[in-house]
Amino acid sequence: MDNDVEIAREECSAHKSVASRLTTLYNLGLGYLTLGEASPSLSGGEAQRLKLATEMGREQNDTLFVFDEPTIGLHLLDVRKLIEVFQKLIDLRATVIVIDHDFDVIRNADYIIDMGPGGGEDGGTVVATGTPSEVARNPKSLTGTFIKSNDN
């Protein structure tokens, strides 16, 4: 129970069902968690991804997933893994809504609702909606400006 998910995955490779679950955790960017870690010690994003791990592999027909800032604290490579997981859920026919500020997540969205014009008391208004390319063309969208400047 002192091993992290990454090491346990290697050590349990001969046990298909255990290795499969550990690989799912690893693919969700949770390879660093120890198996015996108490769930109250997890961050909100970690808890969301742990719960997501229990849903992976099931048919998600007519299922709605809402993620609130799941990329907080993730390394860039783990964000990319998480985007792949979102795509797998979509491939399983789920609907995925992600509330996030991560521009890799935003660029990979099918549809964006950009709120602003700033944060906190300066936010709360819909500034732009549409695909990433449509939001990038909207002069009111700070998100669109960032998408456009990083698409080169």
N, C-alpha and C. Protein backbone atom coordinates (compact mmCIF):
# COMPACT_ATOMS: atom_id res chain seq x y z
N MET A 1 0.82 -1.20 0.00
CA MET A 1 0.00 0.00 0.00
C MET A 1 0.86 1.26 0.00
N ASP A 2 2.18 1.10 0.22
CA ASP A 2 3.08 2.26 0.20
C ASP A 2 3.54 2.60 -1.21
N ASN A 3 3.30 1.69 -2.17
CA ASN A 3 3.71 1.94 -3.55
C ASN A 3 2.80 2.96 -4.21
N ASP A 4 3.39 3.70 -5.14
CA ASP A 4 2.53 4.58 -5.92
C ASP A 4 1.91 3.77 -7.07
N VAL A 5 0.95 4.34 -7.73
CA VAL A 5 0.20 3.66 -8.79
C VAL A 5 1.14 3.20 -9.90
N GLU A 6 2.10 4.05 -10.28
CA GLU A 6 3.01 3.70 -11.37
C GLU A 6 3.81 2.45 -11.06
N ILE A 7 4.37 2.35 -9.86
CA ILE A 7 5.17 1.17 -9.46
C ILE A 7 4.26 -0.04 -9.31
N ALA A 8 3.10 0.14 -8.69
CA ALA A 8 2.17 -0.98 -8.49
C ALA A 8 1.70 -1.53 -9.83
N ARG A 9 1.52 -0.67 -10.80
CA ARG A 9 1.09 -1.10 -12.14
C ARG A 9 2.12 -2.03 -12.75
N GLU A 10 3.40 -1.70 -12.58
CA GLU A 10 4.47 -2.55 -13.10
C GLU A 10 4.52 -3.88 -12.35
N GLU A 11 4.39 -3.81 -11.02
CA GLU A 11 4.50 -5.00 -10.20
C GLU A 11 3.31 -5.94 -10.35
N CYS A 12 2.16 -5.40 -10.75
CA CYS A 12 0.94 -6.21 -10.87
C CYS A 12 0.60 -6.51 -12.33
N SER A 13 1.55 -6.36 -13.22
CA SER A 13 1.25 -6.53 -14.65
C SER A 13 0.71 -7.91 -15.00
N ALA A 14 1.02 -8.93 -14.21
CA ALA A 14 0.53 -10.29 -14.48
C ALA A 14 -0.93 -10.47 -14.06
N HIS A 15 -1.46 -9.57 -13.28
CA HIS A 15 -2.85 -9.65 -12.81
C HIS A 15 -3.69 -8.68 -13.62
N LYS A 16 -4.35 -9.22 -14.64
CA LYS A 16 -5.01 -8.36 -15.64
C LYS A 16 -6.01 -7.36 -15.06
N SER A 17 -6.89 -7.79 -14.18
CA SER A 17 -7.91 -6.86 -13.69
C SER A 17 -7.29 -5.75 -12.83
N VAL A 18 -6.30 -6.11 -12.01
CA VAL A 18 -5.63 -5.11 -11.17
C VAL A 18 -4.82 -4.17 -12.05
N ALA A 19 -4.06 -4.74 -12.98
CA ALA A 19 -3.22 -3.92 -13.87
C ALA A 19 -4.07 -2.98 -14.70
N SER A 20 -5.24 -3.43 -15.13
CA SER A 20 -6.13 -2.59 -15.93
C SER A 20 -6.61 -1.38 -15.14
N ARG A 21 -7.01 -1.60 -13.91
CA ARG A 21 -7.47 -0.48 -13.06
C ARG A 21 -6.33 0.49 -12.75
N LEU A 22 -5.15 -0.06 -12.47
CA LEU A 22 -4.00 0.79 -12.19
C LEU A 22 -3.58 1.57 -13.43
N THR A 23 -3.69 0.97 -14.60
CA THR A 23 -3.37 1.67 -15.84
C THR A 23 -4.34 2.81 -16.08
N THR A 24 -5.60 2.61 -15.76
CA THR A 24 -6.59 3.69 -15.89
C THR A 24 -6.20 4.86 -15.00
N LEU A 25 -5.84 4.58 -13.74
CA LEU A 25 -5.40 5.64 -12.83
C LEU A 25 -4.16 6.35 -13.37
N TYR A 26 -3.23 5.57 -13.89
CA TYR A 26 -2.01 6.13 -14.45
C TYR A 26 -2.33 7.04 -15.64
N ASN A 27 -3.22 6.57 -16.52
CA ASN A 27 -3.59 7.35 -17.70
C ASN A 27 -4.35 8.63 -17.34
N LEU A 28 -4.92 8.67 -16.16
CA LEU A 28 -5.62 9.87 -15.70
C LEU A 28 -4.66 10.84 -14.99
N GLY A 29 -3.36 10.52 -15.04
CA GLY A 29 -2.38 11.40 -14.42
C GLY A 29 -2.25 11.22 -12.93
N LEU A 30 -2.66 10.05 -12.42
CA LEU A 30 -2.61 9.79 -10.99
C LEU A 30 -1.54 8.77 -10.62
N GLY A 31 -0.54 8.60 -11.47
CA GLY A 31 0.51 7.61 -11.25
C GLY A 31 1.33 7.86 -9.99
N TYR A 32 1.33 9.08 -9.50
CA TYR A 32 2.13 9.44 -8.33
C TYR A 32 1.42 9.15 -7.01
N LEU A 33 0.10 8.89 -7.03
CA LEU A 33 -0.63 8.63 -5.78
C LEU A 33 -0.22 7.29 -5.20
N THR A 34 -0.11 7.23 -3.87
CA THR A 34 0.15 5.94 -3.24
C THR A 34 -1.18 5.21 -3.07
N LEU A 35 -1.10 3.90 -3.13
CA LEU A 35 -2.32 3.09 -3.05
C LEU A 35 -3.04 3.28 -1.72
N GLY A 36 -2.30 3.50 -0.65
CA GLY A 36 -2.91 3.64 0.66
C GLY A 36 -3.25 5.07 1.04
N GLU A 37 -3.19 5.98 0.09
CA GLU A 37 -3.45 7.39 0.39
C GLU A 37 -4.90 7.60 0.79
N ALA A 38 -5.11 8.34 1.86
CA ALA A 38 -6.46 8.61 2.34
C ALA A 38 -7.17 9.57 1.39
N SER A 39 -8.40 9.25 1.04
CA SER A 39 -9.13 10.09 0.09
C SER A 39 -9.33 11.53 0.56
N PRO A 40 -9.47 11.83 1.87
CA PRO A 40 -9.59 13.23 2.27
C PRO A 40 -8.35 14.08 1.94
N SER A 41 -7.21 13.43 1.72
CA SER A 41 -5.98 14.17 1.41
C SER A 41 -5.88 14.55 -0.06
N LEU A 42 -6.81 14.06 -0.88
CA LEU A 42 -6.77 14.35 -2.31
C LEU A 42 -7.28 15.76 -2.60
N SER A 43 -6.72 16.36 -3.65
CA SER A 43 -7.24 17.65 -4.11
C SER A 43 -8.56 17.41 -4.82
N GLY A 44 -9.28 18.48 -5.10
CA GLY A 44 -10.55 18.35 -5.82
C GLY A 44 -10.37 17.71 -7.19
N GLY A 45 -9.33 18.13 -7.91
CA GLY A 45 -9.07 17.56 -9.24
C GLY A 45 -8.71 16.09 -9.17
N GLU A 46 -7.91 15.73 -8.15
CA GLU A 46 -7.54 14.32 -7.98
C GLU A 46 -8.77 13.48 -7.66
N ALA A 47 -9.63 13.99 -6.79
CA ALA A 47 -10.85 13.27 -6.43
C ALA A 47 -11.76 13.08 -7.65
N GLN A 48 -11.86 14.12 -8.49
CA GLN A 48 -12.68 14.01 -9.70
C GLN A 48 -12.12 12.92 -10.62
N ARG A 49 -10.79 12.91 -10.79
CA ARG A 49 -10.18 11.93 -11.69
C ARG A 49 -10.27 10.51 -11.11
N LEU A 50 -10.19 10.39 -9.79
CA LEU A 50 -10.35 9.08 -9.16
C LEU A 50 -11.76 8.56 -9.39
N LYS A 51 -12.74 9.42 -9.23
CA LYS A 51 -14.12 9.02 -9.49
C LYS A 51 -14.30 8.65 -10.96
N LEU A 52 -13.66 9.42 -11.85
CA LEU A 52 -13.73 9.13 -13.27
C LEU A 52 -13.17 7.75 -13.58
N ALA A 53 -12.13 7.36 -12.88
CA ALA A 53 -11.52 6.04 -13.10
C ALA A 53 -12.53 4.92 -12.89
N THR A 54 -13.45 5.11 -11.97
CA THR A 54 -14.45 4.07 -11.73
C THR A 54 -15.47 3.98 -12.87
N GLU A 55 -15.59 5.05 -13.65
CA GLU A 55 -16.55 5.07 -14.76
C GLU A 55 -15.97 4.59 -16.08
N MET A 56 -14.65 4.58 -16.19
CA MET A 56 -14.01 4.19 -17.45
C MET A 56 -14.28 2.73 -17.75
N GLY A 57 -14.48 2.46 -19.01
CA GLY A 57 -14.72 1.09 -19.45
C GLY A 57 -16.19 0.73 -19.52
N ARG A 58 -17.04 1.50 -18.90
CA ARG A 58 -18.47 1.25 -18.97
C ARG A 58 -19.06 2.03 -20.13
N GLU A 59 -20.12 1.51 -20.72
CA GLU A 59 -20.82 2.29 -21.74
C GLU A 59 -21.44 3.50 -21.07
N GLN A 60 -21.26 4.65 -21.66
CA GLN A 60 -21.72 5.89 -21.04
C GLN A 60 -22.86 6.54 -21.82
N ASN A 61 -23.64 5.72 -22.49
CA ASN A 61 -24.78 6.22 -23.26
C ASN A 61 -25.64 7.13 -22.40
N ASP A 62 -25.88 8.34 -22.85
CA ASP A 62 -26.75 9.30 -22.15
C ASP A 62 -26.21 9.70 -20.77
N THR A 63 -24.90 9.66 -20.57
CA THR A 63 -24.31 10.09 -19.31
C THR A 63 -23.69 11.47 -19.49
N LEU A 64 -23.90 12.33 -18.51
CA LEU A 64 -23.33 13.66 -18.52
C LEU A 64 -22.27 13.74 -17.44
N PHE A 65 -21.05 14.13 -17.82
CA PHE A 65 -19.95 14.34 -16.88
C PHE A 65 -19.67 15.83 -16.84
N VAL A 66 -19.57 16.40 -15.64
CA VAL A 66 -19.21 17.80 -15.47
C VAL A 66 -17.95 17.84 -14.62
N PHE A 67 -16.89 18.42 -15.16
CA PHE A 67 -15.61 18.52 -14.46
C PHE A 67 -15.32 19.99 -14.17
N ASP A 68 -15.00 20.27 -12.93
CA ASP A 68 -14.69 21.63 -12.51
C ASP A 68 -13.19 21.73 -12.24
N GLU A 69 -12.46 22.38 -13.13
CA GLU A 69 -11.02 22.60 -13.02
C GLU A 69 -10.23 21.31 -12.79
N PRO A 70 -10.45 20.27 -13.62
CA PRO A 70 -9.75 19.01 -13.39
C PRO A 70 -8.25 19.06 -13.68
N THR A 71 -7.77 20.13 -14.32
CA THR A 71 -6.35 20.20 -14.67
C THR A 71 -5.49 20.86 -13.61
N ILE A 72 -6.11 21.37 -12.54
CA ILE A 72 -5.33 22.06 -11.50
C ILE A 72 -4.25 21.13 -10.95
N GLY A 73 -3.02 21.60 -10.97
CA GLY A 73 -1.90 20.85 -10.42
C GLY A 73 -1.34 19.79 -11.35
N LEU A 74 -1.89 19.66 -12.56
CA LEU A 74 -1.41 18.63 -13.47
C LEU A 74 -0.23 19.14 -14.31
N HIS A 75 0.70 18.26 -14.57
CA HIS A 75 1.79 18.51 -15.49
C HIS A 75 1.20 18.55 -16.90
N LEU A 76 1.85 19.25 -17.80
CA LEU A 76 1.38 19.38 -19.19
C LEU A 76 1.10 18.02 -19.83
N LEU A 77 1.97 17.04 -19.60
CA LEU A 77 1.75 15.71 -20.19
C LEU A 77 0.52 15.04 -19.61
N ASP A 78 0.25 15.27 -18.33
CA ASP A 78 -0.94 14.69 -17.69
C ASP A 78 -2.21 15.37 -18.19
N VAL A 79 -2.12 16.66 -18.53
CA VAL A 79 -3.27 17.34 -19.13
C VAL A 79 -3.61 16.69 -20.46
N ARG A 80 -2.60 16.39 -21.24
CA ARG A 80 -2.84 15.73 -22.54
C ARG A 80 -3.48 14.35 -22.34
N LYS A 81 -3.03 13.61 -21.32
CA LYS A 81 -3.65 12.32 -21.01
C LYS A 81 -5.12 12.51 -20.64
N LEU A 82 -5.39 13.53 -19.84
CA LEU A 82 -6.76 13.80 -19.42
C LEU A 82 -7.64 14.15 -20.63
N ILE A 83 -7.12 14.90 -21.57
CA ILE A 83 -7.87 15.21 -22.79
C ILE A 83 -8.19 13.93 -23.55
N GLU A 84 -7.25 13.01 -23.59
CA GLU A 84 -7.48 11.71 -24.25
C GLU A 84 -8.60 10.95 -23.52
N VAL A 85 -8.62 11.03 -22.20
CA VAL A 85 -9.66 10.36 -21.42
C VAL A 85 -11.02 10.99 -21.73
N PHE A 86 -11.08 12.32 -21.81
CA PHE A 86 -12.33 12.98 -22.19
C PHE A 86 -12.81 12.46 -23.54
N GLN A 87 -11.88 12.30 -24.49
CA GLN A 87 -12.25 11.81 -25.82
C GLN A 87 -12.76 10.38 -25.75
N LYS A 88 -12.17 9.55 -24.89
CA LYS A 88 -12.65 8.18 -24.73
C LYS A 88 -14.08 8.17 -24.21
N LEU A 89 -14.38 9.06 -23.24
CA LEU A 89 -15.74 9.16 -22.72
C LEU A 89 -16.71 9.57 -23.83
N ILE A 90 -16.28 10.52 -24.64
CA ILE A 90 -17.12 10.95 -25.76
C ILE A 90 -17.32 9.81 -26.75
N ASP A 91 -16.26 9.05 -27.00
CA ASP A 91 -16.37 7.88 -27.88
C ASP A 91 -17.33 6.84 -27.32
N LEU A 92 -17.46 6.79 -25.97
CA LEU A 92 -18.41 5.88 -25.32
C LEU A 92 -19.81 6.49 -25.26
N ARG A 93 -20.00 7.62 -25.95
CA ARG A 93 -21.28 8.31 -26.12
C ARG A 93 -21.70 9.13 -24.91
N ALA A 94 -20.74 9.56 -24.11
CA ALA A 94 -21.03 10.44 -22.98
C ALA A 94 -20.95 11.89 -23.45
N THR A 95 -21.59 12.76 -22.70
CA THR A 95 -21.45 14.20 -22.88
C THR A 95 -20.51 14.69 -21.80
N VAL A 96 -19.50 15.47 -22.18
CA VAL A 96 -18.48 15.94 -21.25
C VAL A 96 -18.47 17.46 -21.25
N ILE A 97 -18.69 18.04 -20.07
CA ILE A 97 -18.60 19.48 -19.88
C ILE A 97 -17.43 19.73 -18.94
N VAL A 98 -16.52 20.61 -19.37
CA VAL A 98 -15.33 20.91 -18.58
C VAL A 98 -15.28 22.41 -18.32
N ILE A 99 -15.21 22.77 -17.06
CA ILE A 99 -15.03 24.16 -16.65
C ILE A 99 -13.55 24.29 -16.31
N ASP A 100 -12.82 25.02 -17.14
CA ASP A 100 -11.37 25.05 -16.95
C ASP A 100 -10.78 26.29 -17.60
N HIS A 101 -9.57 26.65 -17.17
CA HIS A 101 -8.82 27.76 -17.75
C HIS A 101 -7.65 27.27 -18.59
N ASP A 102 -7.45 25.96 -18.66
CA ASP A 102 -6.31 25.40 -19.37
C ASP A 102 -6.54 25.52 -20.88
N PHE A 103 -5.62 26.19 -21.57
CA PHE A 103 -5.83 26.46 -22.98
C PHE A 103 -5.71 25.22 -23.86
N ASP A 104 -4.97 24.18 -23.43
CA ASP A 104 -4.96 22.93 -24.20
C ASP A 104 -6.34 22.28 -24.15
N VAL A 105 -6.97 22.31 -22.99
CA VAL A 105 -8.33 21.77 -22.87
C VAL A 105 -9.29 22.59 -23.73
N ILE A 106 -9.17 23.91 -23.65
CA ILE A 106 -10.06 24.79 -24.41
C ILE A 106 -9.89 24.57 -25.90
N ARG A 107 -8.65 24.48 -26.38
CA ARG A 107 -8.40 24.27 -27.82
C ARG A 107 -8.97 22.95 -28.32
N ASN A 108 -9.10 21.96 -27.44
CA ASN A 108 -9.61 20.64 -27.83
C ASN A 108 -11.11 20.51 -27.67
N ALA A 109 -11.78 21.56 -27.25
CA ALA A 109 -13.23 21.51 -27.03
C ALA A 109 -13.97 21.51 -28.36
N ASP A 110 -15.14 20.89 -28.35
CA ASP A 110 -16.03 20.98 -29.51
C ASP A 110 -16.75 22.32 -29.50
N TYR A 111 -17.05 22.81 -28.31
CA TYR A 111 -17.82 24.04 -28.18
C TYR A 111 -17.37 24.77 -26.92
N ILE A 112 -17.25 26.08 -26.99
CA ILE A 112 -16.76 26.89 -25.88
C ILE A 112 -17.82 27.93 -25.51
N ILE A 113 -18.00 28.11 -24.21
CA ILE A 113 -18.75 29.26 -23.70
C ILE A 113 -17.73 30.05 -22.89
N ASP A 114 -17.30 31.17 -23.44
CA ASP A 114 -16.27 32.00 -22.82
C ASP A 114 -16.94 33.04 -21.94
N MET A 115 -16.64 32.98 -20.65
CA MET A 115 -17.22 33.91 -19.68
C MET A 115 -16.20 34.99 -19.36
N GLY A 116 -16.68 36.16 -19.06
CA GLY A 116 -15.74 37.23 -18.75
C GLY A 116 -16.47 38.51 -18.46
N PRO A 117 -15.91 39.65 -18.78
CA PRO A 117 -14.65 39.82 -19.50
C PRO A 117 -13.42 39.55 -18.64
N GLY A 118 -13.57 39.49 -17.32
CA GLY A 118 -12.46 39.16 -16.43
C GLY A 118 -12.91 38.10 -15.45
N GLY A 119 -12.21 38.01 -14.32
CA GLY A 119 -12.57 37.05 -13.30
C GLY A 119 -13.29 37.70 -12.13
N GLY A 120 -13.83 36.89 -11.25
CA GLY A 120 -14.50 37.38 -10.05
C GLY A 120 -15.63 38.34 -10.37
N GLU A 121 -15.59 39.52 -9.75
CA GLU A 121 -16.65 40.51 -9.97
C GLU A 121 -16.64 41.06 -11.39
N ASP A 122 -15.53 40.89 -12.10
CA ASP A 122 -15.44 41.37 -13.48
C ASP A 122 -15.94 40.34 -14.48
N GLY A 123 -16.40 39.19 -14.00
CA GLY A 123 -16.84 38.12 -14.89
C GLY A 123 -18.34 37.94 -14.86
N GLY A 124 -18.76 36.78 -15.37
CA GLY A 124 -20.17 36.43 -15.29
C GLY A 124 -20.98 36.73 -16.52
N THR A 125 -20.36 37.30 -17.54
CA THR A 125 -21.06 37.60 -18.78
C THR A 125 -20.55 36.69 -19.87
N VAL A 126 -21.44 36.19 -20.72
CA VAL A 126 -21.01 35.39 -21.86
C VAL A 126 -20.36 36.35 -22.87
N VAL A 127 -19.08 36.14 -23.12
CA VAL A 127 -18.32 36.99 -24.02
C VAL A 127 -18.32 36.44 -25.43
N ALA A 128 -18.22 35.11 -25.55
CA ALA A 128 -18.17 34.47 -26.86
C ALA A 128 -18.62 33.03 -26.74
N THR A 129 -19.17 32.50 -27.81
CA THR A 129 -19.55 31.09 -27.86
C THR A 129 -19.19 30.54 -29.24
N GLY A 130 -18.99 29.24 -29.29
CA GLY A 130 -18.74 28.58 -30.57
C GLY A 130 -17.58 27.62 -30.50
N THR A 131 -17.12 27.21 -31.66
CA THR A 131 -15.96 26.33 -31.76
C THR A 131 -14.71 27.13 -31.40
N PRO A 132 -13.59 26.46 -31.14
CA PRO A 132 -12.37 27.21 -30.84
C PRO A 132 -12.02 28.24 -31.93
N SER A 133 -12.19 27.88 -33.19
CA SER A 133 -11.85 28.84 -34.26
C SER A 133 -12.82 30.01 -34.28
N GLU A 134 -14.09 29.77 -33.96
CA GLU A 134 -15.06 30.87 -33.91
C GLU A 134 -14.76 31.80 -32.74
N VAL A 135 -14.42 31.24 -31.58
CA VAL A 135 -14.09 32.06 -30.42
C VAL A 135 -12.79 32.83 -30.68
N ALA A 136 -11.84 32.21 -31.38
CA ALA A 136 -10.58 32.88 -31.70
C ALA A 136 -10.79 34.10 -32.58
N ARG A 137 -11.84 34.09 -33.39
CA ARG A 137 -12.13 35.23 -34.27
C ARG A 137 -12.93 36.33 -33.58
N ASN A 138 -13.40 36.07 -32.35
CA ASN A 138 -14.23 37.04 -31.65
C ASN A 138 -13.31 38.05 -30.93
N PRO A 139 -13.38 39.33 -31.31
CA PRO A 139 -12.48 40.32 -30.71
C PRO A 139 -12.74 40.58 -29.22
N LYS A 140 -13.90 40.20 -28.70
CA LYS A 140 -14.22 40.42 -27.28
C LYS A 140 -13.64 39.33 -26.38
N SER A 141 -13.18 38.25 -26.98
CA SER A 141 -12.75 37.09 -26.21
C SER A 141 -11.26 37.11 -25.92
N LEU A 142 -10.89 37.22 -24.64
CA LEU A 142 -9.49 37.09 -24.26
C LEU A 142 -9.02 35.66 -24.50
N THR A 143 -9.89 34.69 -24.27
CA THR A 143 -9.58 33.29 -24.54
C THR A 143 -9.27 33.11 -26.02
N GLY A 144 -10.11 33.71 -26.88
CA GLY A 144 -9.90 33.61 -28.32
C GLY A 144 -8.58 34.22 -28.75
N THR A 145 -8.19 35.31 -28.11
CA THR A 145 -6.91 35.95 -28.42
C THR A 145 -5.76 34.99 -28.10
N PHE A 146 -5.86 34.30 -26.97
CA PHE A 146 -4.82 33.36 -26.59
C PHE A 146 -4.80 32.15 -27.52
N ILE A 147 -5.98 31.64 -27.88
CA ILE A 147 -6.05 30.49 -28.80
C ILE A 147 -5.37 30.86 -30.11
N LYS A 148 -5.70 32.03 -30.63
CA LYS A 148 -5.16 32.48 -31.91
C LYS A 148 -3.65 32.64 -31.84
N SER A 149 -3.14 33.22 -30.76
CA SER A 149 -1.71 33.49 -30.65
C SER A 149 -0.89 32.22 -30.45
N ASN A 150 -1.51 31.12 -30.03
CA ASN A 150 -0.79 29.87 -29.80
C ASN A 150 -1.07 28.81 -30.84
N ASP A 151 -1.79 29.13 -31.89
CA ASP A 151 -2.09 28.14 -32.93
C ASP A 151 -1.00 28.06 -33.98
N ASN A 152 0.02 28.86 -33.89
CA ASN A 152 1.08 28.88 -34.91
C ASN A 152 1.99 27.70 -34.76
